[in-house]
Amino acid sequence: MPRNTVDEMIEILQAYKEGKTLECREAFFDGAVWKTGGEPVFSFNNTEYRIKKEPPRKRKLYQFLCQNTGDKRYFVTANMMEDEAECMRTYAYSNVVKRLDHTMIEVEG
């Protein structure tokens, strides 16, 4: 009896076709370890398969120094943003002067 359902088998084959990394383990051993191998044989009766999860992407976020277009006052953004384009969308009424690199934080997701 295969452990993967028919829908899972289709999803796994499609993921393989798209070049995604697959993991497999022996289906009859409860303590079997997931392995990433070379070319899979796709023996769904003896082997259980899954699509390897990609690690979450780390994003770098910064504050920016901006200047109001009207009164020419400077301010530091309260929001943390990835790039100048996001800053310009968020603070459309101002000009970006510079990214404040010393405020950089890394977040997952």
PDB file of N, CA and C in Angstrom:
ATOM      1  N   MET A   1       0.846  -1.195   0.000  1.00  0.00           N
ATOM      2  CA  MET A   1       0.000   0.000   0.000  1.00  0.00           C
ATOM      3  C   MET A   1       0.885   1.251   0.000  1.00  0.00           C
ATOM      4  N   PRO A   2       0.760   2.098  -0.982  1.00  0.00           N
ATOM      5  CA  PRO A   2       1.597   3.303  -1.015  1.00  0.00           C
ATOM      6  C   PRO A   2       1.201   4.290   0.082  1.00  0.00           C
ATOM      7  N   ARG A   3       2.193   5.002   0.566  1.00  0.00           N
ATOM      8  CA  ARG A   3       1.917   6.021   1.583  1.00  0.00           C
ATOM      9  C   ARG A   3       1.479   7.336   0.955  1.00  0.00           C
ATOM     10  N   ASN A   4       1.961   7.619  -0.259  1.00  0.00           N
ATOM     11  CA  ASN A   4       1.545   8.837  -0.941  1.00  0.00           C
ATOM     12  C   ASN A   4       0.205   8.596  -1.612  1.00  0.00           C
ATOM     13  N   THR A   5      -0.687   9.580  -1.497  1.00  0.00           N
ATOM     14  CA  THR A   5      -1.974   9.492  -2.191  1.00  0.00           C
ATOM     15  C   THR A   5      -1.755   9.762  -3.680  1.00  0.00           C
ATOM     16  N   VAL A   6      -2.750   9.473  -4.483  1.00  0.00           N
ATOM     17  CA  VAL A   6      -2.649   9.721  -5.925  1.00  0.00           C
ATOM     18  C   VAL A   6      -2.421  11.205  -6.183  1.00  0.00           C
ATOM     19  N   ASP A   7      -3.132  12.069  -5.456  1.00  0.00           N
ATOM     20  CA  ASP A   7      -2.937  13.514  -5.629  1.00  0.00           C
ATOM     21  C   ASP A   7      -1.513  13.928  -5.267  1.00  0.00           C
ATOM     22  N   GLU A   8      -0.962  13.335  -4.201  1.00  0.00           N
ATOM     23  CA  GLU A   8       0.414  13.641  -3.810  1.00  0.00           C
ATOM     24  C   GLU A   8       1.393  13.152  -4.873  1.00  0.00           C
ATOM     25  N   MET A   9       1.121  11.971  -5.442  1.00  0.00           N
ATOM     26  CA  MET A   9       1.993  11.435  -6.498  1.00  0.00           C
ATOM     27  C   MET A   9       2.040  12.385  -7.689  1.00  0.00           C
ATOM     28  N   ILE A  10       0.882  12.880  -8.087  1.00  0.00           N
ATOM     29  CA  ILE A  10       0.817  13.823  -9.214  1.00  0.00           C
ATOM     30  C   ILE A  10       1.586  15.095  -8.880  1.00  0.00           C
ATOM     31  N   GLU A  11       1.387  15.604  -7.667  1.00  0.00           N
ATOM     32  CA  GLU A  11       2.082  16.821  -7.233  1.00  0.00           C
ATOM     33  C   GLU A  11       3.598  16.611  -7.215  1.00  0.00           C
ATOM     34  N   ILE A  12       4.034  15.447  -6.755  1.00  0.00           N
ATOM     35  CA  ILE A  12       5.465  15.130  -6.684  1.00  0.00           C
ATOM     36  C   ILE A  12       6.055  15.031  -8.090  1.00  0.00           C
ATOM     37  N   LEU A  13       5.361  14.343  -8.983  1.00  0.00           N
ATOM     38  CA  LEU A  13       5.847  14.217 -10.359  1.00  0.00           C
ATOM     39  C   LEU A  13       5.908  15.581 -11.056  1.00  0.00           C
ATOM     40  N   GLN A  14       4.907  16.417 -10.809  1.00  0.00           N
ATOM     41  CA  GLN A  14       4.897  17.759 -11.398  1.00  0.00           C
ATOM     42  C   GLN A  14       6.061  18.593 -10.848  1.00  0.00           C
ATOM     43  N   ALA A  15       6.304  18.480  -9.539  1.00  0.00           N
ATOM     44  CA  ALA A  15       7.418  19.211  -8.923  1.00  0.00           C
ATOM     45  C   ALA A  15       8.749  18.746  -9.508  1.00  0.00           C
ATOM     46  N   TYR A  16       8.879  17.439  -9.728  1.00  0.00           N
ATOM     47  CA  TYR A  16      10.107  16.908 -10.345  1.00  0.00           C
ATOM     48  C   TYR A  16      10.272  17.460 -11.758  1.00  0.00           C
ATOM     49  N   LYS A  17       9.191  17.512 -12.507  1.00  0.00           N
ATOM     50  CA  LYS A  17       9.212  18.041 -13.868  1.00  0.00           C
ATOM     51  C   LYS A  17       9.662  19.500 -13.876  1.00  0.00           C
ATOM     52  N   GLU A  18       9.265  20.270 -12.838  1.00  0.00           N
ATOM     53  CA  GLU A  18       9.616  21.687 -12.720  1.00  0.00           C
ATOM     54  C   GLU A  18      11.023  21.899 -12.169  1.00  0.00           C
ATOM     55  N   GLY A  19      11.703  20.811 -11.823  1.00  0.00           N
ATOM     56  CA  GLY A  19      13.074  20.926 -11.333  1.00  0.00           C
ATOM     57  C   GLY A  19      13.212  21.127  -9.842  1.00  0.00           C
ATOM     58  N   LYS A  20      12.134  20.955  -9.095  1.00  0.00           N
ATOM     59  CA  LYS A  20      12.208  21.105  -7.643  1.00  0.00           C
ATOM     60  C   LYS A  20      12.916  19.900  -7.036  1.00  0.00           C
ATOM     61  N   THR A  21      13.488  20.085  -5.863  1.00  0.00           N
ATOM     62  CA  THR A  21      14.195  19.018  -5.171  1.00  0.00           C
ATOM     63  C   THR A  21      13.204  18.145  -4.419  1.00  0.00           C
ATOM     64  N   LEU A  22      13.381  16.829  -4.556  1.00  0.00           N
ATOM     65  CA  LEU A  22      12.516  15.873  -3.863  1.00  0.00           C
ATOM     66  C   LEU A  22      13.309  15.170  -2.771  1.00  0.00           C
ATOM     67  N   GLU A  23      12.583  14.722  -1.744  1.00  0.00           N
ATOM     68  CA  GLU A  23      13.153  13.904  -0.691  1.00  0.00           C
ATOM     69  C   GLU A  23      12.390  12.584  -0.681  1.00  0.00           C
ATOM     70  N   CYS A  24      13.071  11.518  -0.256  1.00  0.00           N
ATOM     71  CA  CYS A  24      12.394  10.225  -0.199  1.00  0.00           C
ATOM     72  C   CYS A  24      12.870   9.446   1.023  1.00  0.00           C
ATOM     73  N   ARG A  25      12.080   8.448   1.392  1.00  0.00           N
ATOM     74  CA  ARG A  25      12.466   7.527   2.462  1.00  0.00           C
ATOM     75  C   ARG A  25      11.752   6.204   2.212  1.00  0.00           C
ATOM     76  N   GLU A  26      12.289   5.163   2.806  1.00  0.00           N
ATOM     77  CA  GLU A  26      11.681   3.849   2.651  1.00  0.00           C
ATOM     78  C   GLU A  26      10.329   3.847   3.342  1.00  0.00           C
ATOM     79  N   ALA A  27       9.319   3.359   2.656  1.00  0.00           N
ATOM     80  CA  ALA A  27       7.951   3.467   3.144  1.00  0.00           C
ATOM     81  C   ALA A  27       7.631   2.505   4.278  1.00  0.00           C
ATOM     82  N   PHE A  28       8.389   1.419   4.404  1.00  0.00           N
ATOM     83  CA  PHE A  28       8.003   0.392   5.370  1.00  0.00           C
ATOM     84  C   PHE A  28       8.708   0.509   6.711  1.00  0.00           C
ATOM     85  N   PHE A  29       9.614   1.460   6.844  1.00  0.00           N
ATOM     86  CA  PHE A  29      10.313   1.654   8.106  1.00  0.00           C
ATOM     87  C   PHE A  29       9.857   2.958   8.732  1.00  0.00           C
ATOM     88  N   ASP A  30       9.243   2.865   9.911  1.00  0.00           N
ATOM     89  CA  ASP A  30       8.720   4.067  10.560  1.00  0.00           C
ATOM     90  C   ASP A  30       9.818   5.059  10.917  1.00  0.00           C
ATOM     91  N   GLY A  31      11.009   4.560  11.220  1.00  0.00           N
ATOM     92  CA  GLY A  31      12.096   5.454  11.609  1.00  0.00           C
ATOM     93  C   GLY A  31      12.977   5.892  10.448  1.00  0.00           C
ATOM     94  N   ALA A  32      12.534   5.628   9.224  1.00  0.00           N
ATOM     95  CA  ALA A  32      13.357   5.958   8.050  1.00  0.00           C
ATOM     96  C   ALA A  32      13.576   7.468   7.946  1.00  0.00           C
ATOM     97  N   VAL A  33      14.774   7.823   7.557  1.00  0.00           N
ATOM     98  CA  VAL A  33      15.176   9.235   7.457  1.00  0.00           C
ATOM     99  C   VAL A  33      14.917   9.732   6.039  1.00  0.00           C
ATOM    100  N   TRP A  34      14.466  10.982   5.930  1.00  0.00           N
ATOM    101  CA  TRP A  34      14.273  11.607   4.618  1.00  0.00           C
ATOM    102  C   TRP A  34      15.626  11.889   4.010  1.00  0.00           C
ATOM    103  N   LYS A  35      15.796  11.512   2.727  1.00  0.00           N
ATOM    104  CA  LYS A  35      17.063  11.701   2.017  1.00  0.00           C
ATOM    105  C   LYS A  35      16.810  12.480   0.733  1.00  0.00           C
ATOM    106  N   THR A  36      17.784  13.305   0.390  1.00  0.00           N
ATOM    107  CA  THR A  36      17.771  13.982  -0.899  1.00  0.00           C
ATOM    108  C   THR A  36      18.757  13.242  -1.777  1.00  0.00           C
ATOM    109  N   GLY A  37      18.264  12.668  -2.855  1.00  0.00           N
ATOM    110  CA  GLY A  37      19.138  11.847  -3.684  1.00  0.00           C
ATOM    111  C   GLY A  37      19.283  12.394  -5.081  1.00  0.00           C
ATOM    112  N   GLY A  38      19.806  11.534  -5.946  1.00  0.00           N
ATOM    113  CA  GLY A  38      19.978  11.897  -7.343  1.00  0.00           C
ATOM    114  C   GLY A  38      18.664  11.727  -8.096  1.00  0.00           C
ATOM    115  N   GLU A  39      18.707  10.975  -9.163  1.00  0.00           N
ATOM    116  CA  GLU A  39      17.515  10.739  -9.984  1.00  0.00           C
ATOM    117  C   GLU A  39      16.581   9.770  -9.261  1.00  0.00           C
ATOM    118  N   PRO A  40      15.349  10.170  -8.977  1.00  0.00           N
ATOM    119  CA  PRO A  40      14.426   9.262  -8.300  1.00  0.00           C
ATOM    120  C   PRO A  40      13.938   8.156  -9.238  1.00  0.00           C
ATOM    121  N   VAL A  41      13.618   7.003  -8.658  1.00  0.00           N
ATOM    122  CA  VAL A  41      13.113   5.861  -9.412  1.00  0.00           C
ATOM    123  C   VAL A  41      11.583   5.896  -9.465  1.00  0.00           C
ATOM    124  N   PHE A  42      10.966   6.576  -8.531  1.00  0.00           N
ATOM    125  CA  PHE A  42       9.513   6.687  -8.397  1.00  0.00           C
ATOM    126  C   PHE A  42       8.854   5.319  -8.222  1.00  0.00           C
ATOM    127  N   SER A  43       9.272   4.650  -7.181  1.00  0.00           N
ATOM    128  CA  SER A  43       8.649   3.403  -6.764  1.00  0.00           C
ATOM    129  C   SER A  43       7.742   3.747  -5.581  1.00  0.00           C
ATOM    130  N   PHE A  44       6.535   4.184  -5.884  1.00  0.00           N
ATOM    131  CA  PHE A  44       5.640   4.672  -4.833  1.00  0.00           C
ATOM    132  C   PHE A  44       5.179   3.567  -3.885  1.00  0.00           C
ATOM    133  N   ASN A  45       5.341   2.298  -4.256  1.00  0.00           N
ATOM    134  CA  ASN A  45       4.961   1.206  -3.360  1.00  0.00           C
ATOM    135  C   ASN A  45       5.982   1.013  -2.255  1.00  0.00           C
ATOM    136  N   ASN A  46       7.259   1.263  -2.557  1.00  0.00           N
ATOM    137  CA  ASN A  46       8.326   1.015  -1.591  1.00  0.00           C
ATOM    138  C   ASN A  46       8.898   2.281  -0.979  1.00  0.00           C
ATOM    139  N   THR A  47       8.607   3.399  -1.590  1.00  0.00           N
ATOM    140  CA  THR A  47       9.243   4.655  -1.189  1.00  0.00           C
ATOM    141  C   THR A  47       8.194   5.740  -1.038  1.00  0.00           C
ATOM    142  N   GLU A  48       8.380   6.550  -0.013  1.00  0.00           N
ATOM    143  CA  GLU A  48       7.517   7.714   0.199  1.00  0.00           C
ATOM    144  C   GLU A  48       8.283   8.945  -0.248  1.00  0.00           C
ATOM    145  N   TYR A  49       7.624   9.854  -0.924  1.00  0.00           N
ATOM    146  CA  TYR A  49       8.259  11.052  -1.478  1.00  0.00           C
ATOM    147  C   TYR A  49       7.602  12.315  -0.938  1.00  0.00           C
ATOM    148  N   ARG A  50       8.389  13.372  -0.931  1.00  0.00           N
ATOM    149  CA  ARG A  50       7.853  14.701  -0.622  1.00  0.00           C
ATOM    150  C   ARG A  50       8.722  15.738  -1.319  1.00  0.00           C
ATOM    151  N   ILE A  51       8.170  16.932  -1.459  1.00  0.00           N
ATOM    152  CA  ILE A  51       8.894  18.043  -2.063  1.00  0.00           C
ATOM    153  C   ILE A  51       9.689  18.725  -0.950  1.00  0.00           C
ATOM    154  N   LYS A  52      10.978  18.898  -1.189  1.00  0.00           N
ATOM    155  CA  LYS A  52      11.826  19.532  -0.172  1.00  0.00           C
ATOM    156  C   LYS A  52      11.413  20.987  -0.004  1.00  0.00           C
ATOM    157  N   LYS A  53      11.251  21.381   1.229  1.00  0.00           N
ATOM    158  CA  LYS A  53      10.877  22.768   1.522  1.00  0.00           C
ATOM    159  C   LYS A  53      12.100  23.662   1.387  1.00  0.00           C
ATOM    160  N   GLU A  54      11.898  24.761   0.703  1.00  0.00           N
ATOM    161  CA  GLU A  54      12.965  25.748   0.541  1.00  0.00           C
ATOM    162  C   GLU A  54      13.080  26.558   1.825  1.00  0.00           C
ATOM    163  N   PRO A  55      14.310  26.869   2.244  1.00  0.00           N
ATOM    164  CA  PRO A  55      14.454  27.700   3.446  1.00  0.00           C
ATOM    165  C   PRO A  55      13.866  29.085   3.187  1.00  0.00           C
ATOM    166  N   PRO A  56      13.290  29.684   4.205  1.00  0.00           N
ATOM    167  CA  PRO A  56      12.715  31.015   4.003  1.00  0.00           C
ATOM    168  C   PRO A  56      13.790  32.020   3.600  1.00  0.00           C
ATOM    169  N   ARG A  57      13.407  32.899   2.711  1.00  0.00           N
ATOM    170  CA  ARG A  57      14.323  33.934   2.213  1.00  0.00           C
ATOM    171  C   ARG A  57      14.509  35.005   3.286  1.00  0.00           C
ATOM    172  N   LYS A  58      15.736  35.400   3.490  1.00  0.00           N
ATOM    173  CA  LYS A  58      16.015  36.484   4.435  1.00  0.00           C
ATOM    174  C   LYS A  58      15.938  37.811   3.698  1.00  0.00           C
ATOM    175  N   ARG A  59      15.279  38.756   4.338  1.00  0.00           N
ATOM    176  CA  ARG A  59      15.142  40.096   3.762  1.00  0.00           C
ATOM    177  C   ARG A  59      15.899  41.081   4.636  1.00  0.00           C
ATOM    178  N   LYS A  60      16.516  42.058   3.992  1.00  0.00           N
ATOM    179  CA  LYS A  60      17.189  43.135   4.713  1.00  0.00           C
ATOM    180  C   LYS A  60      16.284  44.349   4.663  1.00  0.00           C
ATOM    181  N   LEU A  61      15.973  44.897   5.831  1.00  0.00           N
ATOM    182  CA  LEU A  61      15.102  46.066   5.936  1.00  0.00           C
ATOM    183  C   LEU A  61      15.885  47.239   6.518  1.00  0.00           C
ATOM    184  N   TYR A  62      15.535  48.430   6.048  1.00  0.00           N
ATOM    185  CA  TYR A  62      16.243  49.657   6.456  1.00  0.00           C
ATOM    186  C   TYR A  62      15.246  50.775   6.742  1.00  0.00           C
ATOM    187  N   GLN A  63      15.721  51.770   7.492  1.00  0.00           N
ATOM    188  CA  GLN A  63      15.022  53.048   7.586  1.00  0.00           C
ATOM    189  C   GLN A  63      15.685  53.980   6.574  1.00  0.00           C
ATOM    190  N   PHE A  64      14.955  55.029   6.208  1.00  0.00           N
ATOM    191  CA  PHE A  64      15.467  55.969   5.212  1.00  0.00           C
ATOM    192  C   PHE A  64      15.374  57.392   5.737  1.00  0.00           C
ATOM    193  N   LEU A  65      16.301  58.220   5.302  1.00  0.00           N
ATOM    194  CA  LEU A  65      16.249  59.653   5.569  1.00  0.00           C
ATOM    195  C   LEU A  65      15.536  60.283   4.379  1.00  0.00           C
ATOM    196  N   CYS A  66      14.460  61.016   4.666  1.00  0.00           N
ATOM    197  CA  CYS A  66      13.658  61.628   3.600  1.00  0.00           C
ATOM    198  C   CYS A  66      13.504  63.118   3.860  1.00  0.00           C
ATOM    199  N   GLN A  67      13.026  63.819   2.836  1.00  0.00           N
ATOM    200  CA  GLN A  67      12.771  65.256   2.957  1.00  0.00           C
ATOM    201  C   GLN A  67      11.390  65.537   2.376  1.00  0.00           C
ATOM    202  N   ASN A  68      10.568  66.235   3.169  1.00  0.00           N
ATOM    203  CA  ASN A  68       9.239  66.631   2.680  1.00  0.00           C
ATOM    204  C   ASN A  68       9.398  67.559   1.482  1.00  0.00           C
ATOM    205  N   THR A  69       8.532  67.398   0.494  1.00  0.00           N
ATOM    206  CA  THR A  69       8.615  68.252  -0.687  1.00  0.00           C
ATOM    207  C   THR A  69       8.089  69.653  -0.409  1.00  0.00           C
ATOM    208  N   GLY A  70       7.158  69.783   0.512  1.00  0.00           N
ATOM    209  CA  GLY A  70       6.561  71.095   0.794  1.00  0.00           C
ATOM    210  C   GLY A  70       7.436  71.971   1.662  1.00  0.00           C
ATOM    211  N   ASP A  71       7.623  71.601   2.924  1.00  0.00           N
ATOM    212  CA  ASP A  71       8.347  72.469   3.873  1.00  0.00           C
ATOM    213  C   ASP A  71       9.841  72.133   3.961  1.00  0.00           C
ATOM    214  N   LYS A  72      10.311  71.178   3.184  1.00  0.00           N
ATOM    215  CA  LYS A  72      11.732  70.803   3.096  1.00  0.00           C
ATOM    216  C   LYS A  72      12.303  70.263   4.408  1.00  0.00           C
ATOM    217  N   ARG A  73      11.428  69.827   5.320  1.00  0.00           N
ATOM    218  CA  ARG A  73      11.909  69.252   6.579  1.00  0.00           C
ATOM    219  C   ARG A  73      12.388  67.821   6.341  1.00  0.00           C
ATOM    220  N   TYR A  74      13.416  67.444   7.094  1.00  0.00           N
ATOM    221  CA  TYR A  74      13.957  66.090   7.026  1.00  0.00           C
ATOM    222  C   TYR A  74      13.288  65.219   8.077  1.00  0.00           C
ATOM    223  N   PHE A  75      13.177  63.933   7.777  1.00  0.00           N
ATOM    224  CA  PHE A  75      12.664  62.985   8.764  1.00  0.00           C
ATOM    225  C   PHE A  75      13.209  61.595   8.460  1.00  0.00           C
ATOM    226  N   VAL A  76      13.223  60.772   9.487  1.00  0.00           N
ATOM    227  CA  VAL A  76      13.615  59.367   9.346  1.00  0.00           C
ATOM    228  C   VAL A  76      12.330  58.553   9.334  1.00  0.00           C
ATOM    229  N   THR A  77      12.234  57.622   8.407  1.00  0.00           N
ATOM    230  CA  THR A  77      11.012  56.822   8.287  1.00  0.00           C
ATOM    231  C   THR A  77      10.790  55.981   9.538  1.00  0.00           C
ATOM    232  N   ALA A  78       9.543  55.819   9.898  1.00  0.00           N
ATOM    233  CA  ALA A  78       9.186  54.951  11.015  1.00  0.00           C
ATOM    234  C   ALA A  78       9.161  53.501  10.552  1.00  0.00           C
ATOM    235  N   ASN A  79       8.821  53.281   9.285  1.00  0.00           N
ATOM    236  CA  ASN A  79       8.732  51.932   8.730  1.00  0.00           C
ATOM    237  C   ASN A  79      10.107  51.435   8.310  1.00  0.00           C
ATOM    238  N   MET A  80      10.289  50.127   8.399  1.00  0.00           N
ATOM    239  CA  MET A  80      11.482  49.471   7.883  1.00  0.00           C
ATOM    240  C   MET A  80      11.137  48.943   6.488  1.00  0.00           C
ATOM    241  N   MET A  81      11.956  49.262   5.496  1.00  0.00           N
ATOM    242  CA  MET A  81      11.651  48.899   4.112  1.00  0.00           C
ATOM    243  C   MET A  81      12.869  48.283   3.434  1.00  0.00           C
ATOM    244  N   GLU A  82      12.592  47.523   2.353  1.00  0.00           N
ATOM    245  CA  GLU A  82      13.670  46.846   1.626  1.00  0.00           C
ATOM    246  C   GLU A  82      14.466  47.778   0.730  1.00  0.00           C
ATOM    247  N   ASP A  83      13.790  48.699   0.075  1.00  0.00           N
ATOM    248  CA  ASP A  83      14.508  49.501  -0.917  1.00  0.00           C
ATOM    249  C   ASP A  83      13.883  50.886  -1.062  1.00  0.00           C
ATOM    250  N   GLU A  84      14.573  51.696  -1.845  1.00  0.00           N
ATOM    251  CA  GLU A  84      14.146  53.079  -2.062  1.00  0.00           C
ATOM    252  C   GLU A  84      12.782  53.154  -2.745  1.00  0.00           C
ATOM    253  N   ALA A  85      12.495  52.222  -3.664  1.00  0.00           N
ATOM    254  CA  ALA A  85      11.215  52.232  -4.371  1.00  0.00           C
ATOM    255  C   ALA A  85      10.045  52.035  -3.399  1.00  0.00           C
ATOM    256  N   GLU A  86      10.216  51.123  -2.448  1.00  0.00           N
ATOM    257  CA  GLU A  86       9.168  50.908  -1.447  1.00  0.00           C
ATOM    258  C   GLU A  86       8.999  52.147  -0.575  1.00  0.00           C
ATOM    259  N   CYS A  87      10.105  52.811  -0.253  1.00  0.00           N
ATOM    260  CA  CYS A  87      10.059  54.036   0.537  1.00  0.00           C
ATOM    261  C   CYS A  87       9.304  55.126  -0.217  1.00  0.00           C
ATOM    262  N   MET A  88       9.572  55.258  -1.508  1.00  0.00           N
ATOM    263  CA  MET A  88       8.907  56.289  -2.305  1.00  0.00           C
ATOM    264  C   MET A  88       7.402  56.022  -2.426  1.00  0.00           C
ATOM    265  N   ARG A  89       7.023  54.732  -2.488  1.00  0.00           N
ATOM    266  CA  ARG A  89       5.584  54.402  -2.526  1.00  0.00           C
ATOM    267  C   ARG A  89       4.919  54.707  -1.189  1.00  0.00           C
ATOM    268  N   THR A  90       5.624  54.415  -0.103  1.00  0.00           N
ATOM    269  CA  THR A  90       5.058  54.610   1.234  1.00  0.00           C
ATOM    270  C   THR A  90       4.989  56.090   1.605  1.00  0.00           C
ATOM    271  N   TYR A  91       6.018  56.833   1.267  1.00  0.00           N
ATOM    272  CA  TYR A  91       6.107  58.258   1.592  1.00  0.00           C
ATOM    273  C   TYR A  91       6.113  59.063   0.288  1.00  0.00           C
ATOM    274  N   ALA A  92       5.019  59.018  -0.413  1.00  0.00           N
ATOM    275  CA  ALA A  92       4.919  59.631  -1.747  1.00  0.00           C
ATOM    276  C   ALA A  92       5.082  61.155  -1.718  1.00  0.00           C
ATOM    277  N   TYR A  93       4.840  61.774  -0.601  1.00  0.00           N
ATOM    278  CA  TYR A  93       4.905  63.239  -0.482  1.00  0.00           C
ATOM    279  C   TYR A  93       6.326  63.731  -0.201  1.00  0.00           C
ATOM    280  N   SER A  94       7.318  62.839  -0.250  1.00  0.00           N
ATOM    281  CA  SER A  94       8.677  63.241   0.105  1.00  0.00           C
ATOM    282  C   SER A  94       9.695  62.654  -0.867  1.00  0.00           C
ATOM    283  N   ASN A  95      10.916  63.156  -0.759  1.00  0.00           N
ATOM    284  CA  ASN A  95      12.036  62.646  -1.549  1.00  0.00           C
ATOM    285  C   ASN A  95      12.952  61.828  -0.640  1.00  0.00           C
ATOM    286  N   VAL A  96      13.464  60.744  -1.151  1.00  0.00           N
ATOM    287  CA  VAL A  96      14.411  59.934  -0.387  1.00  0.00           C
ATOM    288  C   VAL A  96      15.792  60.570  -0.506  1.00  0.00           C
ATOM    289  N   VAL A  97      16.408  60.819   0.629  1.00  0.00           N
ATOM    290  CA  VAL A  97      17.747  61.391   0.646  1.00  0.00           C
ATOM    291  C   VAL A  97      18.785  60.266   0.648  1.00  0.00           C
ATOM    292  N   LYS A  98      18.619  59.304   1.577  1.00  0.00           N
ATOM    293  CA  LYS A  98      19.548  58.180   1.617  1.00  0.00           C
ATOM    294  C   LYS A  98      19.010  57.058   2.478  1.00  0.00           C
ATOM    295  N   ARG A  99      19.527  55.869   2.210  1.00  0.00           N
ATOM    296  CA  ARG A  99      19.211  54.693   3.035  1.00  0.00           C
ATOM    297  C   ARG A  99      20.133  54.734   4.243  1.00  0.00           C
ATOM    298  N   LEU A 100      19.593  54.457   5.407  1.00  0.00           N
ATOM    299  CA  LEU A 100      20.379  54.470   6.636  1.00  0.00           C
ATOM    300  C   LEU A 100      20.859  53.050   6.924  1.00  0.00           C
ATOM    301  N   ASP A 101      22.031  52.720   6.408  1.00  0.00           N
ATOM    302  CA  ASP A 101      22.550  51.353   6.497  1.00  0.00           C
ATOM    303  C   ASP A 101      22.726  50.853   7.931  1.00  0.00           C
ATOM    304  N   HIS A 102      23.017  51.734   8.841  1.00  0.00           N
ATOM    305  CA  HIS A 102      23.229  51.324  10.221  1.00  0.00           C
ATOM    306  C   HIS A 102      21.927  50.844  10.899  1.00  0.00           C
ATOM    307  N   THR A 103      20.776  51.058  10.258  1.00  0.00           N
ATOM    308  CA  THR A 103      19.508  50.603  10.834  1.00  0.00           C
ATOM    309  C   THR A 103      19.086  49.222  10.307  1.00  0.00           C
ATOM    310  N   MET A 104      19.918  48.593   9.463  1.00  0.00           N
ATOM    311  CA  MET A 104      19.550  47.340   8.804  1.00  0.00           C
ATOM    312  C   MET A 104      19.265  46.219   9.795  1.00  0.00           C
ATOM    313  N   ILE A 105      18.148  45.515   9.533  1.00  0.00           N
ATOM    314  CA  ILE A 105      17.819  44.292  10.249  1.00  0.00           C
ATOM    315  C   ILE A 105      17.509  43.212   9.213  1.00  0.00           C
ATOM    316  N   GLU A 106      17.749  41.968   9.562  1.00  0.00           N
ATOM    317  CA  GLU A 106      17.421  40.839   8.683  1.00  0.00           C
ATOM    318  C   GLU A 106      16.229  40.109   9.262  1.00  0.00           C
ATOM    319  N   VAL A 107      15.249  39.827   8.417  1.00  0.00           N
ATOM    320  CA  VAL A 107      14.062  39.088   8.836  1.00  0.00           C
ATOM    321  C   VAL A 107      13.807  37.967   7.832  1.00  0.00           C
ATOM    322  N   GLU A 108      13.188  36.899   8.294  1.00  0.00           N
ATOM    323  CA  GLU A 108      12.830  35.796   7.419  1.00  0.00           C
ATOM    324  C   GLU A 108      11.454  36.034   6.844  1.00  0.00           C
ATOM    325  N   GLY A 109      11.308  35.642   5.593  1.00  0.00           N
ATOM    326  CA  GLY A 109       9.978  35.723   4.996  1.00  0.00           C
ATOM    327  C   GLY A 109       9.842  36.678   3.879  1.00  0.00           C
TER     328      GLY A 109
END
